[in-house]
């Protein structure tokens, strides 16, 4: 599989460049989760990063991606959002 060196901004991985596997379309996943284990028997803390365009060229097209830290850590799409339902 192919990987791409991707910059991480914010959170525990701030400033690091890590290889991230890319999919069949050549893009990395929309979210990247990093589990951080604890010394005791508690479950690991999961830090969530969101994919955003890295550099935007003159034509407005992104050339590369980077991940920004999401302090809330909620993964989108956890529940289905039907188009005919009223917003809550």
N, C-alpha and C. Protein backbone atom coordinates (compact mmCIF):
# COMPACT_ATOMS: atom_id res chain seq x y z
N UNK A 1 0.84 -1.18 0.00
CA UNK A 1 0.00 0.00 0.00
C UNK A 1 0.88 1.25 0.00
N UNK A 2 0.35 2.31 -0.52
CA UNK A 2 1.07 3.57 -0.62
C UNK A 2 0.82 4.42 0.62
N UNK A 3 1.80 5.19 1.02
CA UNK A 3 1.63 6.11 2.14
C UNK A 3 2.11 7.49 1.73
N UNK A 4 1.67 8.48 2.49
CA UNK A 4 2.01 9.87 2.23
C UNK A 4 2.43 10.53 3.54
N UNK A 5 3.54 11.24 3.53
CA UNK A 5 3.97 11.96 4.73
C UNK A 5 3.03 13.12 4.98
N UNK A 6 2.41 13.15 6.17
CA UNK A 6 1.36 14.12 6.48
C UNK A 6 1.70 14.86 7.76
N UNK A 7 1.51 16.18 7.75
CA UNK A 7 1.78 17.04 8.90
C UNK A 7 0.61 16.99 9.87
N UNK A 8 0.89 16.94 11.18
CA UNK A 8 -0.12 16.98 12.23
C UNK A 8 0.01 18.31 12.97
N UNK A 9 -1.13 19.01 13.16
CA UNK A 9 -1.15 20.32 13.80
C UNK A 9 -2.01 20.25 15.05
N UNK A 10 -1.45 20.66 16.19
CA UNK A 10 -2.19 20.67 17.46
C UNK A 10 -2.18 19.32 18.14
N UNK A 11 -2.57 19.32 19.41
CA UNK A 11 -2.68 18.09 20.18
C UNK A 11 -1.33 17.48 20.49
N UNK A 12 -1.30 16.19 20.84
CA UNK A 12 -0.05 15.55 21.24
C UNK A 12 0.92 15.32 20.08
N UNK A 13 0.46 15.34 18.85
CA UNK A 13 1.34 15.12 17.69
C UNK A 13 1.71 16.42 16.98
N UNK A 14 1.63 17.55 17.66
CA UNK A 14 1.85 18.85 17.03
C UNK A 14 3.24 18.95 16.40
N UNK A 15 3.27 19.29 15.12
CA UNK A 15 4.52 19.50 14.40
C UNK A 15 5.15 18.24 13.85
N UNK A 16 4.59 17.09 14.10
CA UNK A 16 5.18 15.84 13.60
C UNK A 16 4.67 15.54 12.19
N UNK A 17 5.53 14.90 11.43
CA UNK A 17 5.16 14.45 10.08
C UNK A 17 5.25 12.93 10.11
N UNK A 18 4.11 12.28 9.90
CA UNK A 18 4.04 10.82 9.95
C UNK A 18 3.54 10.27 8.63
N UNK A 19 3.98 9.06 8.26
CA UNK A 19 3.44 8.43 7.05
C UNK A 19 2.03 7.90 7.33
N UNK A 20 1.08 8.28 6.49
CA UNK A 20 -0.31 7.85 6.62
C UNK A 20 -0.68 7.11 5.34
N UNK A 21 -1.29 5.93 5.51
CA UNK A 21 -1.71 5.16 4.34
C UNK A 21 -2.80 5.89 3.59
N UNK A 22 -2.72 5.89 2.27
CA UNK A 22 -3.73 6.53 1.44
C UNK A 22 -4.61 5.45 0.82
N UNK A 23 -5.84 5.84 0.48
CA UNK A 23 -6.79 4.90 -0.10
C UNK A 23 -6.60 4.74 -1.59
N UNK A 24 -7.59 4.13 -2.22
CA UNK A 24 -7.52 3.88 -3.66
C UNK A 24 -7.57 5.17 -4.46
N UNK A 25 -8.15 6.24 -3.90
CA UNK A 25 -8.23 7.51 -4.61
C UNK A 25 -6.99 8.36 -4.41
N UNK A 26 -6.06 7.92 -3.56
CA UNK A 26 -4.85 8.68 -3.31
C UNK A 26 -4.98 9.69 -2.19
N UNK A 27 -6.09 9.65 -1.45
CA UNK A 27 -6.31 10.57 -0.34
C UNK A 27 -6.22 9.83 0.99
N UNK A 28 -5.67 10.48 2.02
CA UNK A 28 -5.66 9.85 3.35
C UNK A 28 -7.07 9.87 3.94
N UNK A 29 -7.33 9.11 5.00
CA UNK A 29 -8.67 9.09 5.60
C UNK A 29 -9.08 10.45 6.15
N UNK A 30 -10.40 10.70 6.27
CA UNK A 30 -10.90 11.99 6.73
C UNK A 30 -10.59 12.22 8.20
N UNK A 31 -10.57 11.17 9.00
CA UNK A 31 -10.21 11.30 10.41
C UNK A 31 -9.08 10.33 10.72
N UNK A 32 -8.26 10.70 11.69
CA UNK A 32 -7.14 9.87 12.13
C UNK A 32 -7.20 9.81 13.64
N UNK A 33 -7.34 8.62 14.20
CA UNK A 33 -7.46 8.45 15.64
C UNK A 33 -6.16 7.91 16.21
N UNK A 34 -5.71 8.53 17.31
CA UNK A 34 -4.47 8.13 17.97
C UNK A 34 -4.81 7.69 19.39
N UNK A 35 -4.75 6.38 19.72
CA UNK A 35 -5.00 5.95 21.09
C UNK A 35 -3.74 6.12 21.93
N UNK A 36 -3.90 6.72 23.12
CA UNK A 36 -2.78 6.91 24.05
C UNK A 36 -3.07 6.08 25.28
N UNK A 37 -2.29 5.01 25.54
CA UNK A 37 -2.56 4.14 26.67
C UNK A 37 -2.19 4.81 28.01
N UNK A 38 -2.85 4.35 29.09
CA UNK A 38 -2.57 4.81 30.44
C UNK A 38 -1.75 3.75 31.16
N UNK A 39 -1.10 4.14 32.27
CA UNK A 39 -0.30 3.19 33.04
C UNK A 39 -1.18 2.24 33.84
N UNK A 40 -2.34 2.71 34.30
CA UNK A 40 -3.23 1.83 35.07
C UNK A 40 -4.20 1.11 34.14
N UNK A 41 -5.26 0.54 34.69
CA UNK A 41 -6.17 -0.29 33.90
C UNK A 41 -7.26 0.48 33.17
N UNK A 42 -7.16 1.80 33.13
CA UNK A 42 -8.17 2.58 32.43
C UNK A 42 -8.04 2.38 30.93
N UNK A 43 -9.15 2.55 30.19
CA UNK A 43 -9.05 2.44 28.73
C UNK A 43 -8.23 3.59 28.15
N UNK A 44 -7.63 3.40 26.99
CA UNK A 44 -6.78 4.45 26.42
C UNK A 44 -7.58 5.69 26.01
N UNK A 45 -6.93 6.85 26.08
CA UNK A 45 -7.52 8.10 25.60
C UNK A 45 -7.31 8.17 24.09
N UNK A 46 -8.37 8.49 23.36
CA UNK A 46 -8.29 8.55 21.90
C UNK A 46 -8.33 10.00 21.47
N UNK A 47 -7.27 10.44 20.76
CA UNK A 47 -7.20 11.79 20.20
C UNK A 47 -7.59 11.71 18.73
N UNK A 48 -8.45 12.64 18.30
CA UNK A 48 -8.97 12.62 16.93
C UNK A 48 -8.42 13.81 16.15
N UNK A 49 -7.96 13.54 14.94
CA UNK A 49 -7.47 14.57 14.03
C UNK A 49 -8.35 14.56 12.78
N UNK A 50 -8.62 15.72 12.22
CA UNK A 50 -9.43 15.88 11.01
C UNK A 50 -8.53 16.29 9.84
N UNK A 51 -8.82 15.76 8.66
CA UNK A 51 -8.06 16.10 7.45
C UNK A 51 -8.53 17.43 6.90
N UNK A 52 -7.57 18.32 6.61
CA UNK A 52 -7.86 19.62 5.98
C UNK A 52 -6.85 19.82 4.86
N UNK A 53 -7.17 20.67 3.87
CA UNK A 53 -6.20 20.93 2.80
C UNK A 53 -4.92 21.54 3.36
N UNK A 54 -3.78 21.05 2.88
CA UNK A 54 -2.49 21.53 3.37
C UNK A 54 -2.12 22.87 2.78
N UNK A 55 -1.87 22.90 1.51
CA UNK A 55 -1.51 24.13 0.82
C UNK A 55 -2.50 24.33 -0.32
N UNK A 56 -2.95 25.54 -0.49
CA UNK A 56 -3.88 25.84 -1.57
C UNK A 56 -3.13 26.63 -2.63
N UNK A 57 -3.16 26.13 -3.86
CA UNK A 57 -2.43 26.77 -4.95
C UNK A 57 -3.17 27.98 -5.51
N UNK A 58 -2.64 28.51 -6.59
CA UNK A 58 -3.22 29.71 -7.21
C UNK A 58 -4.63 29.46 -7.75
N UNK A 59 -4.91 28.25 -8.16
CA UNK A 59 -6.22 27.94 -8.71
C UNK A 59 -7.23 27.54 -7.64
N UNK A 60 -6.82 27.53 -6.38
CA UNK A 60 -7.72 27.16 -5.30
C UNK A 60 -7.79 25.67 -5.05
N UNK A 61 -6.92 24.89 -5.69
CA UNK A 61 -6.91 23.45 -5.51
C UNK A 61 -5.89 23.07 -4.44
N UNK A 62 -6.25 22.13 -3.54
CA UNK A 62 -5.29 21.73 -2.51
C UNK A 62 -4.20 20.86 -3.09
N UNK A 63 -2.98 21.08 -2.63
CA UNK A 63 -1.86 20.22 -3.00
C UNK A 63 -1.32 19.61 -1.72
N UNK A 64 -1.86 18.49 -1.36
CA UNK A 64 -1.46 17.83 -0.12
C UNK A 64 -2.47 18.07 0.99
N UNK A 65 -2.30 17.32 2.06
CA UNK A 65 -3.23 17.38 3.18
C UNK A 65 -2.47 17.53 4.48
N UNK A 66 -3.15 17.96 5.52
CA UNK A 66 -2.61 17.96 6.87
C UNK A 66 -3.75 17.61 7.81
N UNK A 67 -3.41 17.21 9.01
CA UNK A 67 -4.41 16.87 10.01
C UNK A 67 -4.39 17.90 11.12
N UNK A 68 -5.57 18.41 11.50
CA UNK A 68 -5.71 19.34 12.61
C UNK A 68 -6.40 18.64 13.77
N UNK A 69 -5.95 18.94 14.98
CA UNK A 69 -6.47 18.31 16.19
C UNK A 69 -7.91 18.74 16.45
N UNK A 70 -8.77 17.79 16.80
CA UNK A 70 -10.16 18.07 17.16
C UNK A 70 -10.31 17.77 18.64
N UNK A 71 -10.34 18.82 19.51
CA UNK A 71 -10.39 18.57 20.95
C UNK A 71 -11.67 17.88 21.40
N UNK A 72 -12.78 18.04 20.67
CA UNK A 72 -14.02 17.38 21.06
C UNK A 72 -13.94 15.88 20.79
N UNK A 73 -13.26 15.50 19.73
CA UNK A 73 -13.01 14.10 19.45
C UNK A 73 -14.21 13.29 19.03
N UNK A 74 -15.22 13.93 18.50
CA UNK A 74 -16.40 13.20 18.04
C UNK A 74 -16.20 12.83 16.57
N UNK A 75 -16.49 11.58 16.26
CA UNK A 75 -16.37 11.15 14.88
C UNK A 75 -17.66 11.47 14.15
N UNK A 76 -17.60 12.12 12.98
CA UNK A 76 -18.82 12.43 12.25
C UNK A 76 -19.42 11.17 11.66
N UNK A 77 -20.70 11.22 11.42
CA UNK A 77 -21.37 10.09 10.81
C UNK A 77 -21.70 8.98 11.79
N UNK A 78 -21.65 9.27 13.10
CA UNK A 78 -21.97 8.24 14.08
C UNK A 78 -23.44 7.85 13.99
N UNK A 79 -24.28 8.78 13.62
CA UNK A 79 -25.69 8.46 13.43
C UNK A 79 -26.10 8.89 12.02
N UNK A 80 -27.07 8.21 11.48
CA UNK A 80 -27.55 8.55 10.14
C UNK A 80 -28.32 9.86 10.17
N UNK A 81 -28.12 10.68 9.18
CA UNK A 81 -28.84 11.94 9.06
C UNK A 81 -29.65 11.88 7.79
N UNK A 82 -30.93 11.63 7.94
CA UNK A 82 -31.81 11.53 6.80
C UNK A 82 -32.19 12.91 6.31
N UNK A 83 -32.30 13.13 5.01
CA UNK A 83 -32.59 14.46 4.48
C UNK A 83 -34.01 14.93 4.78
N UNK A 84 -34.93 14.03 5.08
CA UNK A 84 -36.31 14.45 5.31
C UNK A 84 -36.63 14.67 6.78
N UNK A 85 -35.66 14.49 7.68
CA UNK A 85 -35.91 14.74 9.10
C UNK A 85 -35.63 16.20 9.44
N UNK A 86 -36.34 16.68 10.47
CA UNK A 86 -36.11 18.04 10.94
C UNK A 86 -34.83 18.09 11.77
N UNK A 87 -34.08 19.19 11.72
CA UNK A 87 -32.87 19.28 12.55
C UNK A 87 -33.27 19.35 14.02
N UNK A 88 -32.43 18.77 14.88
CA UNK A 88 -32.72 18.75 16.31
C UNK A 88 -32.15 19.94 17.00
